C-alpha cells in the first residue's frame, strides 16, 4: 500500500535579473531535454509528440528547436538519433505545410472564393443505366 503524499509549500520562482525585493520573471524556458547529449532521444520524442498534438509552444523555444534538431540530424554519433531527428524535421515541415494550406483556404474564403475546387456538370442519363430492371 502506498503512503499518502505530504503537502509541500509552493516554491517561489528565482529572482532572475531582479533586485532581490520580490519575485521576478523566471528565466526563459530552455528545451532541457536537448541540452545534454544523453537526453537527445527523449527530447526528440517529446518534440515529435508536441508537433503531432499541436501543443502551444513558447515562441523563443520555437525559434531554437529547428536548429537543434537539424544539428542532431547532422552531427549525432547514433544512426538511430539521426533518423529520429530527420523524422522530426519532416513532421515539422508537414505541420508548416498544413498550417499554410489552412491559412490559404481561410484567406480565399474571406475573399469570397472557393476553398476546394469542384466542378458541376450537367447530369446525363444513359439508356439502360440507373439501376432499374
Protein backbone atom coordinates (compact mmCIF):
# COMPACT_ATOMS: atom_id res chain seq x y z
CA UNK A 1 0.00 0.00 0.00
CA UNK A 2 1.30 3.44 -0.89
CA UNK A 3 1.81 6.16 1.66
CA UNK A 4 -0.12 9.35 1.01
CA UNK A 5 1.97 12.24 -0.26
CA UNK A 6 2.73 15.13 2.02
CA UNK A 7 1.67 18.59 1.08
CA UNK A 8 4.65 20.81 0.34
CA UNK A 9 4.97 24.55 0.22
CA UNK A 10 4.98 26.13 -3.19
CA UNK A 11 8.43 27.43 -4.07
CA UNK A 12 8.93 31.00 -5.17
CA UNK A 13 10.47 31.42 -8.62
CA UNK A 14 14.08 32.56 -8.60
CA UNK A 15 14.72 36.29 -8.73
CA UNK A 16 16.23 36.40 -12.22
CA UNK A 17 17.55 39.83 -13.07
CA UNK A 18 15.67 41.37 -10.15
CA UNK A 19 16.97 43.41 -7.24
CA UNK A 20 16.03 40.88 -4.58
CA UNK A 21 12.95 42.77 -3.44
CA UNK A 22 10.43 40.22 -4.67
CA UNK A 23 9.76 37.57 -7.26
CA UNK A 24 10.77 38.45 -10.78
CA UNK A 25 10.10 36.72 -14.09
CA UNK A 26 11.61 33.24 -14.26
CA UNK A 27 14.43 32.50 -16.65
CA UNK A 28 13.39 31.72 -20.23
CA UNK A 29 12.36 28.11 -20.77
CA UNK A 30 15.07 26.07 -22.43
CA UNK A 31 14.37 22.73 -24.09
CA UNK A 32 16.23 20.93 -21.31
CA UNK A 33 15.86 17.51 -22.89
CA UNK A 34 18.08 18.59 -25.78
CA UNK A 35 20.78 20.41 -23.81
CA UNK A 36 22.65 17.29 -22.75
CA UNK A 37 23.54 14.71 -25.41
CA UNK A 38 22.29 11.80 -23.31
CA UNK A 39 18.77 13.26 -23.46
CA UNK A 40 18.61 13.81 -27.22
CA UNK A 41 16.37 10.83 -27.98
CA UNK A 42 13.87 11.72 -25.26
CA UNK A 43 13.88 15.33 -26.40
CA UNK A 44 13.22 14.36 -29.99
CA UNK A 45 10.34 12.12 -28.91
CA UNK A 46 8.86 14.99 -26.91
CA UNK A 47 9.19 17.41 -29.82
CA UNK A 48 7.54 14.90 -32.18
CA UNK A 49 4.69 14.44 -29.71
CA UNK A 50 4.23 18.21 -29.42
CA UNK A 51 4.07 18.54 -33.20
CA UNK A 52 1.53 15.72 -33.58
CA UNK A 53 -0.55 17.04 -30.68
CA UNK A 54 -0.50 20.65 -31.83
CA UNK A 55 0.82 21.82 -28.45
CA UNK A 56 1.27 25.53 -27.89
CA UNK A 57 4.98 26.18 -27.61
CA UNK A 58 6.54 29.49 -26.49
CA UNK A 59 7.94 31.45 -29.44
CA UNK A 60 11.51 31.57 -28.12
CA UNK A 61 11.54 27.78 -27.97
CA UNK A 62 10.10 27.53 -31.48
CA UNK A 63 12.99 29.66 -32.72
CA UNK A 64 15.67 27.34 -31.32
CA UNK A 65 14.20 23.87 -31.82
CA UNK A 66 14.65 23.54 -35.62
CA UNK A 67 18.36 24.40 -35.40
CA UNK A 68 18.91 21.95 -32.54
CA UNK A 69 17.08 19.14 -34.33
CA UNK A 70 18.99 19.84 -37.55
CA UNK A 71 22.27 19.73 -35.60
CA UNK A 72 21.33 16.34 -34.14
CA UNK A 73 20.42 15.07 -37.61
CA UNK A 74 23.79 16.19 -38.97
CA UNK A 75 26.16 15.52 -36.08
CA UNK A 76 24.83 12.73 -33.87
CA UNK A 77 27.01 9.64 -33.44
CA UNK A 78 23.94 7.40 -33.27
CA UNK A 79 22.20 6.49 -36.51
CA UNK A 80 19.01 5.96 -34.53
CA UNK A 81 19.09 9.54 -33.25
CA UNK A 82 19.89 10.92 -36.71
CA UNK A 83 16.87 9.07 -38.15
CA UNK A 84 14.64 10.28 -35.31
CA UNK A 85 15.81 13.85 -35.91
CA UNK A 86 15.06 13.51 -39.64
CA UNK A 87 11.56 12.25 -38.78
CA UNK A 88 11.02 15.26 -36.51
CA UNK A 89 12.20 17.66 -39.22
CA UNK A 90 9.79 16.06 -41.71
CA UNK A 91 6.95 16.32 -39.17
CA UNK A 92 7.79 19.98 -38.62
CA UNK A 93 7.71 20.62 -42.37
CA UNK A 94 4.38 18.78 -42.67
CA UNK A 95 2.90 20.84 -39.83
CA UNK A 96 4.04 24.06 -41.52
CA UNK A 97 2.60 22.97 -44.87
CA UNK A 98 -0.73 22.03 -43.26
CA UNK A 99 -0.89 25.38 -41.47
CA UNK A 100 -0.16 27.27 -44.70
CA UNK A 101 -2.84 25.28 -46.53
CA UNK A 102 -5.44 26.11 -43.89
CA UNK A 103 -4.41 29.78 -43.92
CA UNK A 104 -4.75 29.84 -47.71
CA UNK A 105 -8.25 28.32 -47.53
CA UNK A 106 -9.30 30.86 -44.90
CA UNK A 107 -7.93 33.71 -47.00
CA UNK A 108 -9.82 32.52 -50.10
CA UNK A 109 -12.99 32.01 -48.07
CA UNK A 110 -12.72 35.53 -46.64
CA UNK A 111 -12.28 36.86 -50.17
CA UNK A 112 -15.41 35.08 -51.38
CA UNK A 113 -13.54 32.44 -53.36
CA UNK A 114 -13.90 28.69 -53.36
CA UNK A 115 -11.93 26.73 -50.79
CA UNK A 116 -11.99 23.46 -52.74
CA UNK A 117 -12.04 23.04 -56.49
CA UNK A 118 -15.28 21.41 -57.57
CA UNK A 119 -16.87 21.41 -60.96
CA UNK A 120 -20.54 20.77 -61.51
CA UNK A 121 -21.53 19.28 -64.82
CA UNK A 122 -24.96 18.60 -66.22
CA UNK A 123 -26.47 15.25 -65.34
CA UNK A 124 -26.90 12.94 -68.31
CA UNK A 125 -28.95 9.78 -68.20
CA UNK A 126 -27.76 6.79 -70.15
CA UNK A 127 -30.23 4.29 -71.59
CA UNK A 128 -30.27 1.08 -69.59
CA UNK A 129 -28.49 2.67 -66.64
CA UNK A 130 -29.85 3.96 -63.39
CA UNK A 131 -30.33 0.63 -61.61
CA UNK A 132 -33.87 -0.14 -62.80
CA UNK A 133 -34.55 -3.66 -64.01
